[in-house]
Amino acid sequence: MPKDAAGHLIPGRLSPTRQVPSTIARPEYVGRAAPAQNTAGDRYSPDEVERIRAAGRIAARAIEAASAAIRPGVTTDELDRIAHEFVVSHGAYPSTLGYRGYPKSSCTSVNEVICHGIPDDTVLEDGDLVNIDVTAYLDGYHGDLNHTFLVGDASEEAALLVERTREALARGIRAVAPGRQVNVIGRAIEAYAKRFGYGVVRDYTGHGVGRAFHTGLVIPHYDAPQYDTVIEPGMVFTIEPMLTLGAIEWDVWADDWTVVTRDRSLTAQFEHTLVVTDRGAEILTLP
């Protein structure tokens, strides 16, 4: 497992780019430096919601398939291979592949990696945490989610962080209601995380998703009154809190993707794509 003298993660070696059959439709940004600007808003018709759900179901099942292989000795590249093959075998495109130059079909974030870890020859060890983040693109729409898993026998502290981060997401989802501002989501998450002294990462947020991978809508995971977009029925977005055992400051590796806690404390994350209903929210990224 690539680590420095202090035992912290360092970049590993990447395998060749995985191929996607030419019969599978690509998002518009593949082969371009950046995606086109989203101008279509964040509300969706019932038919569009079902298309997002179909994409989200593939992504969720890809994570299930990859997570079944998690054990000490497995590389994050192997998890990416499994996720990639699942997505393309179901006629979908792995949305991260080629997004702003990202080289892999999933993100695998281990231990102190907050998000956007690139799968490589890093070998999982007993007691690690690993987050798998998969987005599938199908029939013109994206479905996005992630989960954090324990590798082997993790410490109680690590296990509680994972359990409570999952609950933080659940509380954020329960806070969704038409007429409220999106800030209520972050307020619910931060209030819960503070009970345990966890840090709540601020600079990486939830986002609008569907027609575009990221629409421009920001969903904060902390109490941020400046984010005052009013929640409306038919809106689709992700909630994806990132909690740490330490501080919230971060560094990014030279690959311009991998984000790690500056104090190298453990971190966990969970994410779902959801649609706003007349009474609350419905998760679209279930297996």
Protein backbone atom coordinates (compact mmCIF):
# COMPACT_ATOMS: atom_id res chain seq x y z
CA MET A 1 0.00 0.00 0.00
CA PRO A 2 1.58 3.31 -1.02
CA LYS A 3 2.36 5.23 2.17
CA ASP A 4 4.95 7.72 3.32
CA ALA A 5 7.28 7.31 6.30
CA ALA A 6 4.55 8.55 8.64
CA GLY A 7 2.10 5.94 7.39
CA HIS A 8 -0.03 8.35 5.37
CA LEU A 9 -1.34 7.55 1.91
CA ILE A 10 0.59 8.63 -1.18
CA PRO A 11 -0.36 8.25 -4.87
CA GLY A 12 -0.06 4.78 -6.38
CA ARG A 13 0.23 3.58 -9.97
CA LEU A 14 -2.72 3.79 -12.34
CA SER A 15 -3.78 1.00 -14.65
CA PRO A 16 -4.61 1.73 -18.31
CA THR A 17 -7.87 3.55 -19.02
CA ARG A 18 -10.82 1.19 -19.07
CA GLN A 19 -12.76 1.03 -22.32
CA VAL A 20 -16.47 1.61 -22.84
CA PRO A 21 -18.24 -0.06 -25.79
CA SER A 22 -18.94 2.35 -28.64
CA THR A 23 -22.63 1.42 -28.48
CA ILE A 24 -23.00 3.14 -25.09
CA ALA A 25 -23.93 6.83 -25.23
CA ARG A 26 -21.40 9.24 -23.71
CA PRO A 27 -22.17 12.38 -21.70
CA GLU A 28 -21.48 15.55 -23.68
CA TYR A 29 -18.32 16.38 -21.72
CA VAL A 30 -16.37 13.24 -22.66
CA GLY A 31 -13.38 14.30 -24.74
CA ARG A 32 -13.75 17.95 -23.71
CA ALA A 33 -11.91 19.98 -21.08
CA ALA A 34 -15.10 20.89 -19.21
CA PRO A 35 -18.84 20.21 -19.35
CA ALA A 36 -21.32 22.56 -20.98
CA GLN A 37 -23.07 24.99 -18.66
CA ASN A 38 -26.39 23.72 -17.36
CA THR A 39 -29.26 26.06 -18.27
CA ALA A 40 -32.22 23.72 -17.80
CA GLY A 41 -32.71 24.14 -14.04
CA ASP A 42 -33.09 21.50 -11.34
CA ARG A 43 -36.74 20.45 -11.62
CA TYR A 44 -37.75 17.31 -13.50
CA SER A 45 -40.90 15.74 -14.90
CA PRO A 46 -42.06 12.35 -13.56
CA ASP A 47 -40.68 10.65 -16.70
CA GLU A 48 -37.29 12.30 -16.23
CA VAL A 49 -37.24 11.29 -12.56
CA GLU A 50 -37.75 7.67 -13.60
CA ARG A 51 -34.79 7.94 -15.98
CA ILE A 52 -32.62 9.28 -13.16
CA ARG A 53 -33.86 6.44 -10.97
CA ALA A 54 -32.87 3.89 -13.62
CA ALA A 55 -29.36 5.35 -13.81
CA GLY A 56 -29.15 5.54 -10.03
CA ARG A 57 -30.18 1.91 -9.63
CA ILE A 58 -27.31 0.80 -11.88
CA ALA A 59 -24.84 2.92 -9.89
CA ALA A 60 -26.15 1.52 -6.60
CA ARG A 61 -25.84 -2.06 -7.81
CA ALA A 62 -22.33 -1.37 -9.10
CA ILE A 63 -21.35 -0.27 -5.60
CA GLU A 64 -22.94 -3.41 -4.19
CA ALA A 65 -20.90 -5.52 -6.61
CA ALA A 66 -17.64 -3.74 -5.80
CA SER A 67 -18.25 -3.77 -2.05
CA ALA A 68 -18.61 -7.56 -2.10
CA ALA A 69 -14.90 -7.73 -3.01
CA ILE A 70 -13.72 -5.52 -0.14
CA ARG A 71 -11.21 -7.29 2.08
CA PRO A 72 -7.58 -6.86 3.11
CA GLY A 73 -5.29 -7.39 0.11
CA VAL A 74 -7.64 -6.06 -2.56
CA THR A 75 -6.58 -2.97 -4.52
CA THR A 76 -8.78 0.04 -5.12
CA ASP A 77 -8.15 -0.50 -8.84
CA GLU A 78 -9.85 -3.88 -8.55
CA LEU A 79 -12.90 -2.23 -6.98
CA ASP A 80 -12.95 0.20 -9.89
CA ARG A 81 -12.75 -2.66 -12.40
CA ILE A 82 -15.76 -4.35 -10.85
CA ALA A 83 -17.80 -1.14 -10.77
CA HIS A 84 -16.81 -0.26 -14.35
CA GLU A 85 -17.74 -3.67 -15.72
CA PHE A 86 -21.08 -3.65 -13.91
CA VAL A 87 -22.05 -0.22 -15.22
CA VAL A 88 -21.12 -0.85 -18.86
CA SER A 89 -22.64 -4.35 -18.84
CA HIS A 90 -25.96 -2.68 -18.04
CA GLY A 91 -25.70 -0.29 -20.96
CA ALA A 92 -24.69 2.77 -18.95
CA TYR A 93 -21.63 5.01 -18.97
CA PRO A 94 -19.54 5.56 -15.78
CA SER A 95 -19.96 9.32 -15.43
CA THR A 96 -16.62 10.07 -13.78
CA LEU A 97 -14.61 8.56 -16.66
CA GLY A 98 -13.40 11.55 -18.66
CA TYR A 99 -15.17 14.16 -16.53
CA ARG A 100 -12.76 17.12 -16.53
CA GLY A 101 -10.03 14.59 -17.31
CA TYR A 102 -10.75 12.21 -14.41
CA PRO A 103 -9.14 8.88 -15.40
CA LYS A 104 -11.31 6.24 -13.71
CA SER A 105 -14.88 4.96 -13.52
CA SER A 106 -15.34 5.48 -9.78
CA CYS A 107 -13.78 7.30 -6.85
CA THR A 108 -12.25 5.20 -4.06
CA SER A 109 -11.34 7.28 -1.00
CA VAL A 110 -9.37 5.49 1.72
CA ASN A 111 -8.95 6.61 5.37
CA GLU A 112 -7.86 10.29 5.32
CA VAL A 113 -9.04 10.84 1.74
CA ILE A 114 -12.15 13.01 1.99
CA CYS A 115 -13.28 12.55 -1.61
CA HIS A 116 -12.23 12.02 -5.24
CA GLY A 117 -9.60 9.37 -4.52
CA ILE A 118 -8.38 7.86 -7.80
CA PRO A 119 -8.36 4.03 -7.90
CA ASP A 120 -4.82 2.69 -8.25
CA ASP A 121 -2.60 -0.08 -6.88
CA THR A 122 -3.30 0.92 -3.28
CA VAL A 123 -3.87 -2.30 -1.31
CA LEU A 124 -6.58 -2.23 1.35
CA GLU A 125 -5.44 -3.21 4.83
CA ASP A 126 -7.29 -4.55 7.86
CA GLY A 127 -8.96 -1.68 9.69
CA ASP A 128 -9.13 0.71 6.72
CA LEU A 129 -12.16 2.70 5.62
CA VAL A 130 -12.90 2.93 1.91
CA ASN A 131 -15.56 5.04 0.22
CA ILE A 132 -16.82 3.96 -3.21
CA ASP A 133 -18.46 6.68 -5.31
CA VAL A 134 -20.19 5.71 -8.58
CA THR A 135 -22.32 7.72 -10.97
CA ALA A 136 -24.03 6.10 -13.95
CA TYR A 137 -25.21 7.89 -17.10
CA LEU A 138 -28.15 6.27 -18.88
CA ASP A 139 -30.62 7.57 -21.44
CA GLY A 140 -29.38 11.14 -20.98
CA TYR A 141 -29.46 11.28 -17.17
CA HIS A 142 -27.02 10.75 -14.27
CA GLY A 143 -27.61 8.98 -10.94
CA ASP A 144 -24.95 9.56 -8.25
CA LEU A 145 -24.23 7.96 -4.86
CA ASN A 146 -21.48 6.74 -2.55
CA HIS A 147 -21.02 4.59 0.56
CA THR A 148 -18.19 4.09 3.05
CA PHE A 149 -17.21 0.54 4.03
CA LEU A 150 -15.09 -0.99 6.78
CA VAL A 151 -12.22 -3.25 5.71
CA GLY A 152 -11.79 -6.27 7.97
CA ASP A 153 -11.75 -5.49 11.68
CA ALA A 154 -11.92 -1.71 12.03
CA SER A 155 -11.68 0.15 15.32
CA GLU A 156 -14.79 1.10 17.24
CA GLU A 157 -13.96 4.76 16.59
CA ALA A 158 -13.89 4.15 12.84
CA ALA A 159 -17.05 2.05 12.90
CA LEU A 160 -18.93 4.74 14.81
CA LEU A 161 -17.76 7.41 12.36
CA VAL A 162 -19.18 5.37 9.48
CA GLU A 163 -22.46 4.64 11.28
CA ARG A 164 -22.93 8.27 12.29
CA THR A 165 -22.07 9.62 8.85
CA ARG A 166 -24.76 7.37 7.39
CA GLU A 167 -27.19 8.75 9.99
CA ALA A 168 -26.11 12.33 9.17
CA LEU A 169 -27.16 11.72 5.56
CA ALA A 170 -30.48 10.29 6.74
CA ARG A 171 -31.11 13.38 8.87
CA GLY A 172 -30.25 15.65 5.95
CA ILE A 173 -32.75 13.81 3.76
CA ARG A 174 -35.46 14.04 6.43
CA ALA A 175 -34.95 17.81 6.57
CA VAL A 176 -35.98 18.21 2.93
CA ALA A 177 -39.42 19.74 2.42
CA PRO A 178 -40.95 22.06 -0.19
CA GLY A 179 -40.79 25.71 0.84
CA ARG A 180 -37.69 25.35 2.99
CA GLN A 181 -34.31 26.72 1.99
CA VAL A 182 -31.54 24.24 1.16
CA ASN A 183 -29.61 25.52 4.19
CA VAL A 184 -31.93 23.52 6.44
CA ILE A 185 -30.23 20.37 5.16
CA GLY A 186 -26.80 21.47 6.28
CA ARG A 187 -28.15 22.74 9.59
CA ALA A 188 -29.58 19.29 10.39
CA ILE A 189 -26.35 17.52 9.43
CA GLU A 190 -24.04 19.85 11.33
CA ALA A 191 -26.18 19.82 14.48
CA TYR A 192 -26.01 16.04 14.55
CA ALA A 193 -22.26 15.81 13.79
CA LYS A 194 -21.41 18.34 16.50
CA ARG A 195 -22.86 16.01 19.14
CA PHE A 196 -19.84 13.77 18.61
CA GLY A 197 -17.21 16.43 17.96
CA TYR A 198 -16.88 15.53 14.29
CA GLY A 199 -15.68 17.98 11.69
CA VAL A 200 -18.09 18.72 8.82
CA VAL A 201 -16.26 19.41 5.55
CA ARG A 202 -17.51 22.68 4.05
CA ASP A 203 -15.79 23.12 0.71
CA TYR A 204 -17.25 20.00 -0.93
CA THR A 205 -21.02 19.91 -1.10
CA GLY A 206 -24.06 18.21 -2.51
CA HIS A 207 -25.19 19.34 -5.94
CA GLY A 208 -27.91 19.29 -8.53
CA VAL A 209 -27.73 16.24 -10.76
CA GLY A 210 -29.74 14.69 -13.59
CA ARG A 211 -29.40 16.16 -17.05
CA ALA A 212 -25.94 17.30 -15.98
CA PHE A 213 -23.47 15.58 -13.66
CA HIS A 214 -23.27 18.83 -11.63
CA THR A 215 -25.88 21.47 -12.41
CA GLY A 216 -24.57 24.36 -10.30
CA LEU A 217 -27.03 23.99 -7.43
CA VAL A 218 -25.15 23.82 -4.10
CA ILE A 219 -26.41 21.75 -1.17
CA PRO A 220 -24.36 22.64 1.97
CA HIS A 221 -23.68 20.16 4.75
CA TYR A 222 -23.21 22.84 7.42
CA ASP A 223 -25.27 25.79 8.66
CA ALA A 224 -24.81 28.25 5.79
CA PRO A 225 -27.57 30.88 5.52
CA GLN A 226 -26.08 32.24 2.28
CA TYR A 227 -27.41 29.17 0.50
CA ASP A 228 -31.03 30.20 0.36
CA THR A 229 -32.41 28.39 -2.70
CA VAL A 230 -35.98 27.39 -1.95
CA ILE A 231 -36.71 23.67 -2.21
CA GLU A 232 -39.48 22.85 -4.72
CA PRO A 233 -41.26 19.63 -5.71
CA GLY A 234 -39.54 17.96 -8.64
CA MET A 235 -36.06 19.21 -7.75
CA VAL A 236 -33.30 16.57 -7.92
CA PHE A 237 -30.02 16.86 -6.06
CA THR A 238 -27.50 14.94 -3.97
CA ILE A 239 -26.79 15.15 -0.27
CA GLU A 240 -23.34 13.76 0.60
CA PRO A 241 -21.96 14.75 4.02
CA MET A 242 -18.24 14.26 4.70
CA LEU A 243 -17.42 13.96 8.40
CA THR A 244 -13.95 13.79 9.98
CA LEU A 245 -12.53 12.69 13.31
CA GLY A 246 -10.41 15.85 13.34
CA ALA A 247 -10.33 19.23 11.65
CA ILE A 248 -11.99 20.18 8.35
CA GLU A 249 -9.00 21.77 6.60
CA TRP A 250 -7.82 19.83 3.57
CA ASP A 251 -5.06 19.48 1.01
CA VAL A 252 -5.30 18.31 -2.58
CA TRP A 253 -2.71 16.09 -4.22
CA ALA A 254 -0.80 17.00 -7.38
CA ASP A 255 -3.34 14.97 -9.39
CA ASP A 256 -5.80 17.86 -8.73
CA TRP A 257 -8.42 15.37 -7.54
CA THR A 258 -7.50 13.55 -4.33
CA VAL A 259 -8.59 15.60 -1.29
CA VAL A 260 -7.14 14.61 2.11
CA THR A 261 -7.64 15.93 5.61
CA ARG A 262 -4.74 18.23 6.45
CA ASP A 263 -4.35 16.62 9.88
CA ARG A 264 -4.70 13.18 8.22
CA SER A 265 -7.64 12.26 10.43
CA LEU A 266 -10.09 9.59 9.32
CA THR A 267 -13.09 10.67 7.28
CA ALA A 268 -16.29 9.05 6.01
CA GLN A 269 -18.97 9.99 3.50
CA PHE A 270 -22.39 8.82 2.31
CA GLU A 271 -24.41 10.12 -0.64
CA HIS A 272 -27.76 9.64 -2.35
CA THR A 273 -29.53 11.33 -5.23
CA LEU A 274 -33.08 12.28 -4.30
CA VAL A 275 -36.15 13.96 -5.74
CA VAL A 276 -38.26 16.42 -3.77
CA THR A 277 -41.87 15.31 -3.37
CA ASP A 278 -44.91 17.22 -2.13
CA ARG A 279 -44.19 16.00 1.39
CA GLY A 280 -40.42 15.46 1.58
CA ALA A 281 -37.89 13.52 -0.49
CA GLU A 282 -37.57 10.16 -2.21
CA ILE A 283 -34.21 8.45 -2.74
CA LEU A 284 -33.48 7.62 -6.38
CA THR A 285 -30.24 5.69 -5.88
CA LEU A 286 -31.43 2.45 -4.29
CA PRO A 287 -30.43 -0.97 -5.69
